Amino acid sequence: MVIFAIICYNYWQKGEKDLAVILVILCALYQPFFKIPLGKTIWGVVNVATAIMLVGLWMKEKREDE
């Protein structure tokens, strides 16, 4: 959750507000205080989609740094 919040803040500062909103939603989804009952299958899809998104963001940042 903390990592999503930090990444969200960075993208908000860059002006990429759409991506920041998605990260806020992920931050709320992965927060440790309240259980969100989505079911095993949906959580599996969410976890894979989140992992793919994070790898994509990492690759994007890596390309921008070059």
Protein backbone atom coordinates (compact mmCIF):
# COMPACT_ATOMS: atom_id res chain seq x y z
CA MET A 1 0.00 0.00 0.00
CA VAL A 2 2.76 2.42 0.91
CA ILE A 3 4.59 1.78 -2.36
CA PHE A 4 1.41 2.47 -4.35
CA ALA A 5 0.95 5.72 -2.41
CA ILE A 6 4.52 6.83 -3.14
CA ILE A 7 4.25 5.94 -6.83
CA CYS A 8 0.87 7.69 -6.99
CA TYR A 9 2.32 10.87 -5.48
CA ASN A 10 5.19 10.85 -7.97
CA TYR A 11 2.86 10.48 -10.96
CA TRP A 12 0.53 13.16 -9.58
CA GLN A 13 3.50 15.54 -9.36
CA LYS A 14 4.44 14.68 -12.96
CA GLY A 15 0.92 15.62 -14.06
CA GLU A 16 -0.15 12.09 -15.00
CA LYS A 17 -3.41 12.32 -13.09
CA ASP A 18 -5.17 9.38 -14.79
CA LEU A 19 -2.42 7.00 -13.75
CA ALA A 20 -2.38 8.52 -10.26
CA VAL A 21 -6.12 7.79 -9.87
CA ILE A 22 -5.54 4.15 -10.86
CA LEU A 23 -2.77 3.93 -8.27
CA VAL A 24 -5.04 5.43 -5.59
CA ILE A 25 -7.57 2.70 -6.35
CA LEU A 26 -4.85 0.05 -6.07
CA CYS A 27 -3.65 1.63 -2.84
CA ALA A 28 -7.18 1.35 -1.42
CA LEU A 29 -7.54 -2.20 -2.75
CA TYR A 30 -4.32 -3.42 -1.14
CA GLN A 31 -4.71 -1.54 2.15
CA PRO A 32 -4.21 -3.75 5.23
CA PHE A 33 -6.98 -2.38 7.45
CA PHE A 34 -10.18 -3.75 5.89
CA LYS A 35 -10.59 -7.03 4.05
CA ILE A 36 -12.09 -6.65 0.59
CA PRO A 37 -13.90 -9.90 -0.27
CA LEU A 38 -13.45 -10.36 -4.02
CA GLY A 39 -13.09 -14.13 -4.15
CA LYS A 40 -10.05 -16.18 -5.06
CA THR A 41 -10.50 -15.98 -8.82
CA ILE A 42 -10.97 -12.22 -8.96
CA TRP A 43 -8.06 -11.63 -6.57
CA GLY A 44 -5.91 -13.80 -8.84
CA VAL A 45 -6.81 -11.68 -11.85
CA VAL A 46 -6.25 -8.46 -9.89
CA ASN A 47 -2.85 -9.64 -8.68
CA VAL A 48 -1.69 -10.62 -12.17
CA ALA A 49 -3.00 -7.36 -13.69
CA THR A 50 -1.29 -5.36 -10.96
CA ALA A 51 2.00 -7.18 -11.50
CA ILE A 52 1.82 -6.56 -15.26
CA MET A 53 1.05 -2.88 -14.66
CA LEU A 54 3.96 -2.48 -12.24
CA VAL A 55 6.38 -4.12 -14.68
CA GLY A 56 5.07 -1.81 -17.42
CA LEU A 57 5.56 1.26 -15.22
CA TRP A 58 9.06 0.10 -14.33
CA MET A 59 9.93 -0.37 -18.01
CA LYS A 60 8.46 3.05 -18.85
CA GLU A 61 10.54 4.73 -16.14
CA LYS A 62 13.65 2.86 -17.27
CA ARG A 63 13.15 4.08 -20.87
CA GLU A 64 12.61 7.68 -19.70
CA ASP A 65 15.85 7.60 -17.69
CA GLU A 66 17.93 6.63 -20.74
